[in-house]
Amino acid sequence: MSGSVQVGSVKVAGGNEVPVVLDPDRGVVPAAELGFDGDLLSLLGRISLSELAVAARSAPESFFRDPAGFEFAAPYRQPRKLWGIGLNYLEHAGDLSENVPTEPASFMKGDHTIIGPGDPIPVPAQSTRTTAEAELGLVIGRECYQIEEDEALDYVYGVVPVLDQTAEDILERNPRFLTRSKNFPGFFSFGPTIVGLDAVLAHWGSLDAVEVSTVLNGSVHRSNTVSNMAFSPAFLVSFHSKVMPLFPGDIISTGTPGAVHINPGDVAECRIPGVGVLTNPVIAGR
């Protein structure tokens, strides 16, 4: 049942953002109208997708609205942690003339980098070559620490499209500049909705079959499947839980099949069939 609903946040009057439940068969309903208060981040640790699905199915038809009437925002703005994974596809490592690491090449981003669907990605003035990278994001649903790979996906609330940006020219000057190159404002977009693993498995048959595409101006730049990751989603959750506790709403962005250079006027997309399409225009930043 949890596979049939998704969660996200939409923009409302006054610049506020409120959590919603999306039932693909019925439409969008604010979580508050189902009896769930708080922003989406606070809901993740308290209410499962199964519970939201039960509540949505019990709600009268009059509660639901057409999704086209809403502007989706980033699902939430202040997760405890954003983990990014570099060089997790063999082909992408080859693009950069890098060897695939024997352990995940991970880094962290601040929540100031977060934007949502339709928000502009600013190319910073100090970068002459910025890239956008489509990725599958794993959203943690329960606190976990020191967990094993075979139980890791039990702690994943769902998955979400991500666009992870890099000031590639800054990174190339020195690999120790990784944090700097990844942390300009607007360098982490995610949304429009978080989709349960049940729905992903119903669409693809397995998580390994999921295809992620980096798209620029409507043309697919690079696609690849999760099966070609050096480190699987379950491994990444387990590995990072052995570094530090993971909390509800933490995101692990699992790496890109290919980065694409972006310039003001471009439109970058992450496309993951069965999960969603995330689109952001590119502008000149400061």
Foldseek 3Di string as FASTA:
>chain_A
DLQQKWKAWFADPPRDIFIWIQGPVQAIATVVVLVDDDAPLVVLQPPASVNVVVSVVPDDSVRHDHNVVTHFWGRDQAFPWEKEWEPFFVQACVVVVHDRDPDTPIDTEGSQQETEFAAAQADEPVAPWKWKFKFKKWFFRAKFAQDDLVCQCVRTRFIKIKIAMFSVVQCVVDVVCRHVRRYDHNRIYIDRIGGHPVLVCVVQVDQQRWKKFKDKQRHTPFIDGQVRTPAHPSRVRNVVSHVDMHHGGYMYGRYGRHIDTDDQPMKIWMDIPSHDIGIHGYHHDD
